[in-house]
Amino acid sequence: MPDGVAPDLSHLHPSVQASAQLPAGERVALIRADRWIGYPQAVVTLARLEALLGWPGKQRMPNLLLVGPTNNGKSMIVEKFRRGHLPVTEADREHIAVLCVQMPSEPSVLRVYIALLAALGAPLQPRWRLAEVEQISLSLLRSTGVRMLVIDELHNVLAGPGSSRREFLNLLRFLGNELHIPIIGVGTRDAYLAIRSDDQLENRFEPVVLPLWIVSADTVSLLASFAAALPLQRPSIIATDDMAQYLLARCEGTIGELAHLLTAAAISAVESGEESINQRTLVMADYLGPTERRRVFERELL
């Protein structure tokens, strides 16, 4: 591009056009940052979460189970929702509309309550008894005005013995009945299997599935959104069925891997001067798909 001539950036979203004129190092940092791409299933899921948050309190609240493969956008949707409902601090207390906790890797009722207290910012003490943490947790959940509880990595419940699983499932019922708030479970297919093992909970949790991506109009639209969001000075012609098939084959169908691949290709585009995602920058990209990474790791172990 001739010196002094501004590039045509009409292929980019207006909010990104100024960023595309920054120095290469600054653009690489922006490319590496997290970005929200509002694809249809994510938008629908966010709307359902909003509806549940505003649900009038009643004895049996509706719950939701967000299920999908690892790295397929579940946690990103939850984080987007949480950021839209950040805690509000007043003079005497903090209001937390949406509380997000992660299921402990070795689940037990005590550890779940401790995770709740940590998420609420409560000081933790050693050697707490279960009855104590239960009452403190319930009291803080009420006093901070929690209106929705989100439990990520719910599939970890299957890591414990059968007795621990039953205790945790009983805890979910107890929390729902005591607090009259919706509970959102997030996890892989194993999370659904855990909930399905309890007839009462299965009836309370509506599953929302985020499947692996396939070549479709939604996928092509998603690629167009990525192309418009990455600050490159030339158009990236990736919103086609052929390119979708190639990219999904490399990233094995998850949106997290797809974002990783496109990020690496965009960085190669900036550093090489190509300034677009194309076959050359995709080949140059510092990226291996999940299966390739496992093979490399297994070879290194030999």
C-alpha atoms as a PDB file:
ATOM      1  CA  MET A   1       0.000   0.000   0.000  1.00  0.00           C
ATOM      2  CA  PRO A   2       1.548   3.377  -0.999  1.00  0.00           C
ATOM      3  CA  ASP A   3       2.875   5.527   1.828  1.00  0.00           C
ATOM      4  CA  GLY A   4       0.415   8.131   3.030  1.00  0.00           C
ATOM      5  CA  VAL A   5      -2.595   6.401   1.493  1.00  0.00           C
ATOM      6  CA  ALA A   6      -5.122   5.260   4.074  1.00  0.00           C
ATOM      7  CA  PRO A   7      -6.228   1.635   3.574  1.00  0.00           C
ATOM      8  CA  ASP A   8      -9.819   0.868   2.644  1.00  0.00           C
ATOM      9  CA  LEU A   9     -11.192  -0.659   5.838  1.00  0.00           C
ATOM     10  CA  SER A  10     -14.817  -1.028   4.768  1.00  0.00           C
ATOM     11  CA  HIS A  11     -14.522  -4.819   5.255  1.00  0.00           C
ATOM     12  CA  LEU A  12     -14.240  -4.250   9.026  1.00  0.00           C
ATOM     13  CA  HIS A  13     -16.899  -3.414  11.575  1.00  0.00           C
ATOM     14  CA  PRO A  14     -16.863   0.367  12.203  1.00  0.00           C
ATOM     15  CA  SER A  15     -15.756  -0.187  15.811  1.00  0.00           C
ATOM     16  CA  VAL A  16     -12.620  -2.000  14.578  1.00  0.00           C
ATOM     17  CA  GLN A  17     -11.532   0.286  11.737  1.00  0.00           C
ATOM     18  CA  ALA A  18      -9.475   2.646  13.878  1.00  0.00           C
ATOM     19  CA  SER A  19      -7.673  -0.296  15.501  1.00  0.00           C
ATOM     20  CA  ALA A  20      -6.633  -1.603  12.078  1.00  0.00           C
ATOM     21  CA  GLN A  21      -4.442   1.486  11.596  1.00  0.00           C
ATOM     22  CA  LEU A  22      -2.455   0.950  14.792  1.00  0.00           C
ATOM     23  CA  PRO A  23       1.153  -0.316  14.713  1.00  0.00           C
ATOM     24  CA  ALA A  24       1.589  -4.058  14.212  1.00  0.00           C
ATOM     25  CA  GLY A  25       2.532  -4.796  17.832  1.00  0.00           C
ATOM     26  CA  GLU A  26      -0.553  -3.087  19.196  1.00  0.00           C
ATOM     27  CA  ARG A  27      -2.790  -4.889  16.714  1.00  0.00           C
ATOM     28  CA  VAL A  28      -1.312  -8.267  17.670  1.00  0.00           C
ATOM     29  CA  ALA A  29      -2.162  -7.523  21.320  1.00  0.00           C
ATOM     30  CA  LEU A  30      -5.743  -6.648  20.316  1.00  0.00           C
ATOM     31  CA  ILE A  31      -6.048  -9.809  18.229  1.00  0.00           C
ATOM     32  CA  ARG A  32      -4.972 -11.922  21.202  1.00  0.00           C
ATOM     33  CA  ALA A  33      -7.601 -10.333  23.492  1.00  0.00           C
ATOM     34  CA  ASP A  34     -10.922 -12.060  24.133  1.00  0.00           C
ATOM     35  CA  ARG A  35     -13.772 -10.890  21.923  1.00  0.00           C
ATOM     36  CA  TRP A  36     -17.483 -11.558  21.949  1.00  0.00           C
ATOM     37  CA  ILE A  37     -19.036 -12.865  18.729  1.00  0.00           C
ATOM     38  CA  GLY A  38     -22.819 -12.921  19.122  1.00  0.00           C
ATOM     39  CA  TYR A  39     -23.754 -15.968  17.057  1.00  0.00           C
ATOM     40  CA  PRO A  40     -27.454 -16.993  17.040  1.00  0.00           C
ATOM     41  CA  GLN A  41     -27.323 -19.816  19.611  1.00  0.00           C
ATOM     42  CA  ALA A  42     -25.364 -17.634  22.028  1.00  0.00           C
ATOM     43  CA  VAL A  43     -27.815 -14.755  21.623  1.00  0.00           C
ATOM     44  CA  VAL A  44     -30.783 -17.073  22.224  1.00  0.00           C
ATOM     45  CA  THR A  45     -29.121 -18.562  25.306  1.00  0.00           C
ATOM     46  CA  LEU A  46     -28.389 -15.110  26.736  1.00  0.00           C
ATOM     47  CA  ALA A  47     -32.038 -14.171  26.233  1.00  0.00           C
ATOM     48  CA  ARG A  48     -33.119 -17.283  28.123  1.00  0.00           C
ATOM     49  CA  LEU A  49     -30.790 -16.422  30.990  1.00  0.00           C
ATOM     50  CA  GLU A  50     -32.214 -12.903  31.102  1.00  0.00           C
ATOM     51  CA  ALA A  51     -35.740 -14.306  31.245  1.00  0.00           C
ATOM     52  CA  LEU A  52     -34.815 -16.621  34.123  1.00  0.00           C
ATOM     53  CA  LEU A  53     -33.129 -13.802  36.029  1.00  0.00           C
ATOM     54  CA  GLY A  54     -36.356 -11.827  35.941  1.00  0.00           C
ATOM     55  CA  TRP A  55     -38.546 -14.823  36.826  1.00  0.00           C
ATOM     56  CA  PRO A  56     -40.899 -14.113  39.730  1.00  0.00           C
ATOM     57  CA  GLY A  57     -40.010 -16.099  42.820  1.00  0.00           C
ATOM     58  CA  LYS A  58     -42.067 -19.205  43.449  1.00  0.00           C
ATOM     59  CA  GLN A  59     -41.757 -22.546  45.207  1.00  0.00           C
ATOM     60  CA  ARG A  60     -40.333 -24.425  42.236  1.00  0.00           C
ATOM     61  CA  MET A  61     -38.130 -22.225  40.083  1.00  0.00           C
ATOM     62  CA  PRO A  62     -37.140 -23.187  36.522  1.00  0.00           C
ATOM     63  CA  ASN A  63     -33.508 -24.168  36.036  1.00  0.00           C
ATOM     64  CA  LEU A  64     -31.311 -24.527  32.980  1.00  0.00           C
ATOM     65  CA  LEU A  65     -28.518 -26.931  32.049  1.00  0.00           C
ATOM     66  CA  LEU A  66     -26.087 -25.567  29.448  1.00  0.00           C
ATOM     67  CA  VAL A  67     -24.380 -28.582  27.884  1.00  0.00           C
ATOM     68  CA  GLY A  68     -21.745 -28.921  25.200  1.00  0.00           C
ATOM     69  CA  PRO A  69     -18.272 -30.223  24.369  1.00  0.00           C
ATOM     70  CA  THR A  70     -15.247 -28.708  26.089  1.00  0.00           C
ATOM     71  CA  ASN A  71     -14.122 -25.400  24.555  1.00  0.00           C
ATOM     72  CA  ASN A  72     -17.391 -24.803  22.723  1.00  0.00           C
ATOM     73  CA  GLY A  73     -18.399 -21.446  24.185  1.00  0.00           C
ATOM     74  CA  LYS A  74     -20.354 -22.353  27.335  1.00  0.00           C
ATOM     75  CA  SER A  75     -18.183 -20.427  29.782  1.00  0.00           C
ATOM     76  CA  MET A  76     -17.919 -17.474  27.376  1.00  0.00           C
ATOM     77  CA  ILE A  77     -21.715 -17.160  27.302  1.00  0.00           C
ATOM     78  CA  VAL A  78     -21.894 -17.326  31.094  1.00  0.00           C
ATOM     79  CA  GLU A  79     -19.127 -14.731  31.458  1.00  0.00           C
ATOM     80  CA  LYS A  80     -20.847 -12.409  28.976  1.00  0.00           C
ATOM     81  CA  PHE A  81     -24.054 -12.712  31.010  1.00  0.00           C
ATOM     82  CA  ARG A  82     -22.248 -12.175  34.320  1.00  0.00           C
ATOM     83  CA  ARG A  83     -20.551  -9.011  33.039  1.00  0.00           C
ATOM     84  CA  GLY A  84     -23.959  -7.647  32.169  1.00  0.00           C
ATOM     85  CA  HIS A  85     -25.001  -8.036  35.833  1.00  0.00           C
ATOM     86  CA  LEU A  86     -21.965  -7.046  37.874  1.00  0.00           C
ATOM     87  CA  PRO A  87     -22.260  -6.606  41.658  1.00  0.00           C
ATOM     88  CA  VAL A  88     -23.446  -3.234  42.892  1.00  0.00           C
ATOM     89  CA  THR A  89     -21.869  -1.889  46.085  1.00  0.00           C
ATOM     90  CA  GLU A  90     -23.925   0.259  48.430  1.00  0.00           C
ATOM     91  CA  ALA A  91     -22.968   1.889  51.708  1.00  0.00           C
ATOM     92  CA  ASP A  92     -23.720  -1.090  53.888  1.00  0.00           C
ATOM     93  CA  ARG A  93     -23.636  -4.127  51.587  1.00  0.00           C
ATOM     94  CA  GLU A  94     -23.025  -5.536  48.141  1.00  0.00           C
ATOM     95  CA  HIS A  95     -25.803  -6.707  45.831  1.00  0.00           C
ATOM     96  CA  ILE A  96     -24.852  -9.714  43.687  1.00  0.00           C
ATOM     97  CA  ALA A  97     -27.570 -10.550  41.178  1.00  0.00           C
ATOM     98  CA  VAL A  98     -25.667 -13.360  39.435  1.00  0.00           C
ATOM     99  CA  LEU A  99     -23.280 -15.553  41.426  1.00  0.00           C
ATOM    100  CA  CYS A 100     -20.950 -17.835  39.468  1.00  0.00           C
ATOM    101  CA  VAL A 101     -19.045 -20.676  41.114  1.00  0.00           C
ATOM    102  CA  GLN A 102     -17.001 -23.541  39.763  1.00  0.00           C
ATOM    103  CA  MET A 103     -17.764 -27.076  40.820  1.00  0.00           C
ATOM    104  CA  PRO A 104     -14.813 -28.408  42.870  1.00  0.00           C
ATOM    105  CA  SER A 105     -12.748 -31.092  41.144  1.00  0.00           C
ATOM    106  CA  GLU A 106     -13.445 -33.453  44.059  1.00  0.00           C
ATOM    107  CA  PRO A 107     -17.035 -32.592  44.918  1.00  0.00           C
ATOM    108  CA  SER A 108     -18.485 -32.674  48.387  1.00  0.00           C
ATOM    109  CA  VAL A 109     -21.242 -30.636  49.992  1.00  0.00           C
ATOM    110  CA  LEU A 110     -18.737 -28.911  52.287  1.00  0.00           C
ATOM    111  CA  ARG A 111     -16.469 -27.931  49.391  1.00  0.00           C
ATOM    112  CA  VAL A 112     -19.418 -26.595  47.410  1.00  0.00           C
ATOM    113  CA  TYR A 113     -20.455 -24.363  50.309  1.00  0.00           C
ATOM    114  CA  ILE A 114     -16.867 -23.156  50.704  1.00  0.00           C
ATOM    115  CA  ALA A 115     -16.787 -22.353  46.961  1.00  0.00           C
ATOM    116  CA  LEU A 116     -20.004 -20.362  47.404  1.00  0.00           C
ATOM    117  CA  LEU A 117     -18.510 -18.405  50.310  1.00  0.00           C
ATOM    118  CA  ALA A 118     -15.332 -17.702  48.320  1.00  0.00           C
ATOM    119  CA  ALA A 119     -17.395 -16.422  45.364  1.00  0.00           C
ATOM    120  CA  LEU A 120     -19.330 -14.181  47.778  1.00  0.00           C
ATOM    121  CA  GLY A 121     -16.043 -12.760  49.074  1.00  0.00           C
ATOM    122  CA  ALA A 122     -16.595 -14.068  52.591  1.00  0.00           C
ATOM    123  CA  PRO A 123     -13.567 -14.672  54.835  1.00  0.00           C
ATOM    124  CA  LEU A 124     -12.878 -18.386  55.175  1.00  0.00           C
ATOM    125  CA  GLN A 125     -11.922 -20.122  58.384  1.00  0.00           C
ATOM    126  CA  PRO A 126     -10.252 -23.515  58.846  1.00  0.00           C
ATOM    127  CA  ARG A 127     -12.097 -26.458  60.362  1.00  0.00           C
ATOM    128  CA  TRP A 128     -15.569 -25.134  59.678  1.00  0.00           C
ATOM    129  CA  ARG A 129     -18.309 -27.664  60.242  1.00  0.00           C
ATOM    130  CA  LEU A 130     -20.887 -28.349  57.534  1.00  0.00           C
ATOM    131  CA  ALA A 131     -23.801 -26.959  59.557  1.00  0.00           C
ATOM    132  CA  GLU A 132     -21.908 -23.690  60.060  1.00  0.00           C
ATOM    133  CA  VAL A 133     -20.985 -23.132  56.415  1.00  0.00           C
ATOM    134  CA  GLU A 134     -24.505 -24.036  55.335  1.00  0.00           C
ATOM    135  CA  GLN A 135     -26.130 -21.406  57.538  1.00  0.00           C
ATOM    136  CA  ILE A 136     -23.528 -18.750  56.695  1.00  0.00           C
ATOM    137  CA  SER A 137     -23.854 -19.471  52.980  1.00  0.00           C
ATOM    138  CA  LEU A 138     -27.641 -19.281  52.976  1.00  0.00           C
ATOM    139  CA  SER A 139     -27.575 -16.089  55.023  1.00  0.00           C
ATOM    140  CA  LEU A 140     -25.094 -14.385  52.669  1.00  0.00           C
ATOM    141  CA  LEU A 141     -26.889 -15.570  49.551  1.00  0.00           C
ATOM    142  CA  ARG A 142     -30.046 -13.926  50.857  1.00  0.00           C
ATOM    143  CA  SER A 143     -28.457 -10.748  52.222  1.00  0.00           C
ATOM    144  CA  THR A 144     -26.526 -10.057  48.996  1.00  0.00           C
ATOM    145  CA  GLY A 145     -29.698 -10.498  46.946  1.00  0.00           C
ATOM    146  CA  VAL A 146     -28.448 -13.317  44.736  1.00  0.00           C
ATOM    147  CA  ARG A 147     -31.129 -13.956  42.099  1.00  0.00           C
ATOM    148  CA  MET A 148     -29.349 -16.604  40.035  1.00  0.00           C
ATOM    149  CA  LEU A 149     -26.720 -19.230  40.873  1.00  0.00           C
ATOM    150  CA  VAL A 150     -24.479 -20.459  38.046  1.00  0.00           C
ATOM    151  CA  ILE A 151     -22.445 -23.641  38.657  1.00  0.00           C
ATOM    152  CA  ASP A 152     -19.729 -24.184  36.045  1.00  0.00           C
ATOM    153  CA  GLU A 153     -17.901 -27.474  35.453  1.00  0.00           C
ATOM    154  CA  LEU A 154     -20.938 -29.338  36.769  1.00  0.00           C
ATOM    155  CA  HIS A 155     -19.653 -32.581  35.225  1.00  0.00           C
ATOM    156  CA  ASN A 156     -17.074 -32.688  38.039  1.00  0.00           C
ATOM    157  CA  VAL A 157     -19.841 -34.151  40.185  1.00  0.00           C
ATOM    158  CA  LEU A 158     -19.121 -37.485  38.487  1.00  0.00           C
ATOM    159  CA  ALA A 159     -15.540 -37.377  39.796  1.00  0.00           C
ATOM    160  CA  GLY A 160     -16.724 -38.279  43.288  1.00  0.00           C
ATOM    161  CA  PRO A 161     -18.048 -41.555  44.651  1.00  0.00           C
ATOM    162  CA  GLY A 162     -21.721 -42.432  44.342  1.00  0.00           C
ATOM    163  CA  SER A 163     -22.511 -41.149  47.829  1.00  0.00           C
ATOM    164  CA  SER A 164     -20.955 -37.738  47.038  1.00  0.00           C
ATOM    165  CA  ARG A 165     -22.962 -37.492  43.817  1.00  0.00           C
ATOM    166  CA  ARG A 166     -26.205 -38.190  45.653  1.00  0.00           C
ATOM    167  CA  GLU A 167     -25.352 -35.622  48.346  1.00  0.00           C
ATOM    168  CA  PHE A 168     -24.597 -32.978  45.747  1.00  0.00           C
ATOM    169  CA  LEU A 169     -27.796 -33.641  43.803  1.00  0.00           C
ATOM    170  CA  ASN A 170     -29.714 -33.366  47.063  1.00  0.00           C
ATOM    171  CA  LEU A 171     -27.893 -30.072  47.681  1.00  0.00           C
ATOM    172  CA  LEU A 172     -29.082 -28.698  44.322  1.00  0.00           C
ATOM    173  CA  ARG A 173     -32.664 -29.487  45.268  1.00  0.00           C
ATOM    174  CA  PHE A 174     -32.189 -27.977  48.722  1.00  0.00           C
ATOM    175  CA  LEU A 175     -30.691 -24.717  47.413  1.00  0.00           C
ATOM    176  CA  GLY A 176     -33.447 -24.318  44.844  1.00  0.00           C
ATOM    177  CA  ASN A 177     -36.166 -24.920  47.446  1.00  0.00           C
ATOM    178  CA  GLU A 178     -34.591 -22.694  50.096  1.00  0.00           C
ATOM    179  CA  LEU A 179     -33.618 -19.709  47.966  1.00  0.00           C
ATOM    180  CA  HIS A 180     -36.329 -19.732  45.282  1.00  0.00           C
ATOM    181  CA  ILE A 181     -33.824 -18.715  42.607  1.00  0.00           C
ATOM    182  CA  PRO A 182     -32.989 -20.345  39.256  1.00  0.00           C
ATOM    183  CA  ILE A 183     -29.879 -22.523  39.152  1.00  0.00           C
ATOM    184  CA  ILE A 184     -27.863 -22.727  35.941  1.00  0.00           C
ATOM    185  CA  GLY A 185     -25.668 -25.789  35.482  1.00  0.00           C
ATOM    186  CA  VAL A 186     -22.846 -25.632  32.923  1.00  0.00           C
ATOM    187  CA  GLY A 187     -20.839 -28.613  31.747  1.00  0.00           C
ATOM    188  CA  THR A 188     -20.188 -31.382  29.287  1.00  0.00           C
ATOM    189  CA  ARG A 189     -22.452 -34.315  28.429  1.00  0.00           C
ATOM    190  CA  ASP A 190     -21.456 -35.864  31.764  1.00  0.00           C
ATOM    191  CA  ALA A 191     -23.256 -33.016  33.550  1.00  0.00           C
ATOM    192  CA  TYR A 192     -26.473 -34.017  31.790  1.00  0.00           C
ATOM    193  CA  LEU A 193     -25.913 -37.667  32.745  1.00  0.00           C
ATOM    194  CA  ALA A 194     -25.470 -36.652  36.375  1.00  0.00           C
ATOM    195  CA  ILE A 195     -28.699 -34.617  36.418  1.00  0.00           C
ATOM    196  CA  ARG A 196     -30.580 -37.309  34.513  1.00  0.00           C
ATOM    197  CA  SER A 197     -29.722 -39.831  37.225  1.00  0.00           C
ATOM    198  CA  ASP A 198     -32.151 -38.004  39.519  1.00  0.00           C
ATOM    199  CA  ASP A 199     -35.745 -37.958  38.260  1.00  0.00           C
ATOM    200  CA  GLN A 200     -36.723 -34.874  40.251  1.00  0.00           C
ATOM    201  CA  LEU A 201     -33.753 -32.835  39.077  1.00  0.00           C
ATOM    202  CA  GLU A 202     -34.135 -33.952  35.477  1.00  0.00           C
ATOM    203  CA  ASN A 203     -37.640 -32.484  35.500  1.00  0.00           C
ATOM    204  CA  ARG A 204     -36.365 -29.211  36.983  1.00  0.00           C
ATOM    205  CA  PHE A 205     -33.427 -28.608  34.605  1.00  0.00           C
ATOM    206  CA  GLU A 206     -34.157 -27.742  30.991  1.00  0.00           C
ATOM    207  CA  PRO A 207     -31.192 -28.759  28.794  1.00  0.00           C
ATOM    208  CA  VAL A 208     -29.745 -26.299  26.270  1.00  0.00           C
ATOM    209  CA  VAL A 209     -27.205 -27.975  23.999  1.00  0.00           C
ATOM    210  CA  LEU A 210     -24.310 -26.264  22.230  1.00  0.00           C
ATOM    211  CA  PRO A 211     -23.374 -28.919  19.645  1.00  0.00           C
ATOM    212  CA  LEU A 212     -20.213 -29.132  17.599  1.00  0.00           C
ATOM    213  CA  TRP A 213     -20.244 -26.768  14.641  1.00  0.00           C
ATOM    214  CA  ILE A 214     -20.941 -28.078  11.133  1.00  0.00           C
ATOM    215  CA  VAL A 215     -20.897 -26.392   7.739  1.00  0.00           C
ATOM    216  CA  SER A 216     -24.076 -24.285   7.723  1.00  0.00           C
ATOM    217  CA  ALA A 217     -25.350 -20.767   7.179  1.00  0.00           C
ATOM    218  CA  ASP A 218     -24.756 -20.037  10.888  1.00  0.00           C
ATOM    219  CA  THR A 219     -21.120 -21.123  10.599  1.00  0.00           C
ATOM    220  CA  VAL A 220     -20.540 -18.995   7.500  1.00  0.00           C
ATOM    221  CA  SER A 221     -22.139 -16.049   9.323  1.00  0.00           C
ATOM    222  CA  LEU A 222     -19.859 -16.693  12.313  1.00  0.00           C
ATOM    223  CA  LEU A 223     -16.793 -16.621  10.050  1.00  0.00           C
ATOM    224  CA  ALA A 224     -17.979 -13.346   8.525  1.00  0.00           C
ATOM    225  CA  SER A 225     -18.247 -11.900  12.039  1.00  0.00           C
ATOM    226  CA  PHE A 226     -14.680 -12.974  12.859  1.00  0.00           C
ATOM    227  CA  ALA A 227     -13.411 -11.468   9.601  1.00  0.00           C
ATOM    228  CA  ALA A 228     -15.080  -8.153  10.429  1.00  0.00           C
ATOM    229  CA  ALA A 229     -13.768  -8.145  14.023  1.00  0.00           C
ATOM    230  CA  LEU A 230     -10.060  -8.833  13.458  1.00  0.00           C
ATOM    231  CA  PRO A 231      -8.070  -5.606  12.760  1.00  0.00           C
ATOM    232  CA  LEU A 232      -6.490  -6.590   9.433  1.00  0.00           C
ATOM    233  CA  GLN A 233      -6.032  -4.104   6.616  1.00  0.00           C
ATOM    234  CA  ARG A 234      -7.202  -6.401   3.802  1.00  0.00           C
ATOM    235  CA  PRO A 235     -10.407  -8.465   3.573  1.00  0.00           C
ATOM    236  CA  SER A 236     -10.300 -12.060   4.835  1.00  0.00           C
ATOM    237  CA  ILE A 237     -12.387 -14.179   2.462  1.00  0.00           C
ATOM    238  CA  ILE A 238     -13.290 -16.909   4.929  1.00  0.00           C
ATOM    239  CA  ALA A 239     -17.109 -16.741   4.964  1.00  0.00           C
ATOM    240  CA  THR A 240     -17.623 -19.549   2.440  1.00  0.00           C
ATOM    241  CA  ASP A 241     -18.752 -23.167   2.705  1.00  0.00           C
ATOM    242  CA  ASP A 242     -15.375 -24.445   1.466  1.00  0.00           C
ATOM    243  CA  MET A 243     -13.448 -22.395   4.001  1.00  0.00           C
ATOM    244  CA  ALA A 244     -15.872 -23.397   6.756  1.00  0.00           C
ATOM    245  CA  GLN A 245     -15.278 -27.067   5.953  1.00  0.00           C
ATOM    246  CA  TYR A 246     -11.496 -26.593   5.993  1.00  0.00           C
ATOM    247  CA  LEU A 247     -11.472 -24.599   9.247  1.00  0.00           C
ATOM    248  CA  LEU A 248     -13.843 -26.931  11.084  1.00  0.00           C
ATOM    249  CA  ALA A 249     -11.759 -29.934  10.035  1.00  0.00           C
ATOM    250  CA  ARG A 250      -8.664 -28.326  11.520  1.00  0.00           C
ATOM    251  CA  CYS A 251     -10.293 -27.131  14.754  1.00  0.00           C
ATOM    252  CA  GLU A 252     -12.523 -30.212  15.137  1.00  0.00           C
ATOM    253  CA  GLY A 253     -15.769 -28.308  15.409  1.00  0.00           C
ATOM    254  CA  THR A 254     -15.545 -26.200  18.575  1.00  0.00           C
ATOM    255  CA  ILE A 255     -15.797 -22.437  18.608  1.00  0.00           C
ATOM    256  CA  GLY A 256     -12.944 -22.116  21.100  1.00  0.00           C
ATOM    257  CA  GLU A 257     -10.546 -23.949  18.784  1.00  0.00           C
ATOM    258  CA  LEU A 258     -11.866 -22.002  15.794  1.00  0.00           C
ATOM    259  CA  ALA A 259     -11.151 -18.722  17.583  1.00  0.00           C
ATOM    260  CA  HIS A 260      -7.665 -20.009  18.468  1.00  0.00           C
ATOM    261  CA  LEU A 261      -6.939 -20.910  14.842  1.00  0.00           C
ATOM    262  CA  LEU A 262      -8.253 -17.617  13.423  1.00  0.00           C
ATOM    263  CA  THR A 263      -6.339 -15.657  16.067  1.00  0.00           C
ATOM    264  CA  ALA A 264      -3.091 -17.418  15.130  1.00  0.00           C
ATOM    265  CA  ALA A 265      -3.744 -16.856  11.421  1.00  0.00           C
ATOM    266  CA  ALA A 266      -4.527 -13.161  12.013  1.00  0.00           C
ATOM    267  CA  ILE A 267      -1.255 -12.731  13.926  1.00  0.00           C
ATOM    268  CA  SER A 268       0.604 -14.377  11.034  1.00  0.00           C
ATOM    269  CA  ALA A 269      -1.214 -12.004   8.662  1.00  0.00           C
ATOM    270  CA  VAL A 270       0.028  -8.960  10.595  1.00  0.00           C
ATOM    271  CA  GLU A 271       3.571 -10.194  11.131  1.00  0.00           C
ATOM    272  CA  SER A 272       4.033 -11.338   7.516  1.00  0.00           C
ATOM    273  CA  GLY A 273       2.450  -8.273   5.933  1.00  0.00           C
ATOM    274  CA  GLU A 274      -0.282 -10.350   4.270  1.00  0.00           C
ATOM    275  CA  GLU A 275      -2.909  -8.439   6.273  1.00  0.00           C
ATOM    276  CA  SER A 276      -5.657 -11.024   5.672  1.00  0.00           C
ATOM    277  CA  ILE A 277      -6.552 -14.544   6.690  1.00  0.00           C
ATOM    278  CA  ASN A 278      -6.016 -16.749   3.650  1.00  0.00           C
ATOM    279  CA  GLN A 279      -4.508 -20.115   2.791  1.00  0.00           C
ATOM    280  CA  ARG A 280      -0.971 -18.787   3.250  1.00  0.00           C
ATOM    281  CA  THR A 281      -1.531 -17.278   6.688  1.00  0.00           C
ATOM    282  CA  LEU A 282      -3.560 -20.308   7.801  1.00  0.00           C
ATOM    283  CA  VAL A 283      -0.609 -22.543   6.914  1.00  0.00           C
ATOM    284  CA  MET A 284       1.810 -20.179   8.682  1.00  0.00           C
ATOM    285  CA  ALA A 285      -0.392 -19.982  11.783  1.00  0.00           C
ATOM    286  CA  ASP A 286       1.099 -21.235  15.035  1.00  0.00           C
ATOM    287  CA  TYR A 287      -1.732 -23.677  15.613  1.00  0.00           C
ATOM    288  CA  LEU A 288      -2.253 -27.404  16.034  1.00  0.00           C
ATOM    289  CA  GLY A 289      -5.697 -28.937  16.406  1.00  0.00           C
ATOM    290  CA  PRO A 290      -6.604 -31.005  19.497  1.00  0.00           C
ATOM    291  CA  THR A 291      -5.738 -34.362  17.889  1.00  0.00           C
ATOM    292  CA  GLU A 292      -2.474 -33.021  16.497  1.00  0.00           C
ATOM    293  CA  ARG A 293      -1.507 -31.639  19.905  1.00  0.00           C
ATOM    294  CA  ARG A 294      -2.166 -35.001  21.540  1.00  0.00           C
ATOM    295  CA  ARG A 295      -0.052 -36.787  18.932  1.00  0.00           C
ATOM    296  CA  VAL A 296       2.832 -34.368  19.419  1.00  0.00           C
ATOM    297  CA  PHE A 297       2.618 -34.785  23.192  1.00  0.00           C
ATOM    298  CA  GLU A 298       2.516 -38.583  22.932  1.00  0.00           C
ATOM    299  CA  ARG A 299       5.553 -38.596  20.617  1.00  0.00           C
ATOM    300  CA  GLU A 300       7.465 -36.455  23.094  1.00  0.00           C
ATOM    301  CA  LEU A 301       6.688 -38.943  25.865  1.00  0.00           C
ATOM    302  CA  LEU A 302       8.297 -41.808  23.965  1.00  0.00           C
END
